[in-house]
Amino acid sequence: MSDKTKADAPNGAKDRPGPSRRTVLAGGAVAAGATALSFPYVSRGLAAESLKFWQFYAPGGGVATQSKWFEDMAKSWNDSHDVKVELVYVPNNAYMDGTKLPTAFASGAGPDLFIISPGDFLRYYNGGVLLDLTPFIDKAAQDDLFPGVIANRMVDGKIYGLPMEVEPMAMYYSVDAFNEAGLTEKDVPKTWEDLLTVGKKLTTDKRFGVLFETAPGYYQNFTWYPFLWQGGGDIQSKDGKSAFNSPAAAQALKFWQDAVNMGVSPRKVLGGGGWDVVPNLASGYCAMQNVGIWAISQLHENAPNFKYGVFKLPTPPGGKYVTVGGGWAFVANAKGKNPKAAGEFCAWALGSMSPDSIERVVDWCTKAKSDMPPRKSALEKGKEAYSKGFLKVFADDIYPGARAEPRVPPPVYKAISDAIQACQLNGQKPEEAAAAASQQIDAFLAGYKGAPIL
């Protein structure tokens, strides 16, 4: 994982940005130096009023063990604190790729607590929404966080999000589909060319060979970044300008485009999206799926008899293996009803050296869900779980090649997303899409005054 910090990041800015928080949260590009406007927010009310915690796990989420983990955590807090936490379930699609969360904040009705990925961190940090959690976290607990995992949740040495997990991406395949096609473990793809060749052999009238996310959003960008990096590409250069107009970017865009054009990959995914393994891989809609470590728990919970294998992301000619390590983090609304209680809750839940806090992280990563832990103590305590099965495959083979998910402002994310969509589904030439996206990114970066892009 990258442990790049603000000191060597381009476009560093110590001061809070000037643009309207309302505009930033809505995702629009704004001119540098725009006058800051007052941010609307709900009246703080009484301290005893419950804190609303928006997330897509509980109560009643898609995986029962994960819903229970959240419910047990809230109950444990509520049993011992005056200020209560109320879980508010938001469906995954509406949360990740919809407008529900940013719209709520832009209208002054944002939740007191919520979860964000690194990919959307700058929207909320630059919008002035995120509470500095550092004062609530003991130094020992701060040091317990892996530097490469916490770096993209920090600005100027301060922590604005407490990660609950790290989620590297990999490829999953159906053992039965491989057997039907006369393939064995020896045929597991190691290169991009292998993946398309094997994918073609696995494609039938009723099944696609391999599935990549096709819906635009932060998740699709997240899953595409490793293919950019494997060829030596990047989003931004060390001088702070766009690095997107590169052979590596065009190559990665073409790879996903070729998969669809060959009929090996679907134009539309099933279920909740490309992250949802049961309706896609386990149902037989595809034979291989690009998905993350969390799919282990999804399959265990909802398709326990499905036989599958996991392998590292294949690489391009002359490329180097890289995957991406994302994951969600607890954050608190600096303009909420009771920011102090919200900050205390985040630290209590995930950022304390108390045995309960450490065990909570272990249970989330090895029992409720399947993830790599963001804390050294949790990795040590859960080492038995990572010594067997598919968690061992991730720990030993896949995770060591992980690089932290980039955090970028919404206009940069959108330029990349548009390039992926234009190539994958609309037939645009990859070189042209990469050049157009790079031009948009440079135009935005020229006036960008927010926190460093990592």
Foldseek 3Di string as FASTA:
>chain_A
DDLDAQVQFPLAFQDQFADELLCLLQQDFDFGPHHYDDFAADALPDQQEEFEEEDAFDDVHPFNLSRVLVVVLQVVDVVPDSHGYDYDHDHPLCPFFNSVQSVCRSVRNHTQKYKDKLQALQSCVSSVWFDFLQVQFDPVLVVQFDSQAQRSQDFPRTGRWFFLFWKWKWKKFFPVLCVVLVHDPVQPDQALVSQLVQLVSSDDPQAAAEEQWQDFGSVNVQLLVQQLPQAPFDQADSNQAGRLLDPSQLVSLQSLLVCVVVVRYDNDADDSTLQQCCRCCVVRRYGMGTYIQQVVSVCVRPPVPTDMDIDFDHGYVVTDGAIAIMGMTMTGTPRHSDNVVSSNSRCVQARYPDPNNLVSSLCVCQPSTPGHGRGNSSCVVNVVSCVDDVSVCCVPPHVVRYHYRKYDRSQLSVLSSVLSNCSNPVPDNSSVSSVRSSVSRRVSSVSDNRRGID
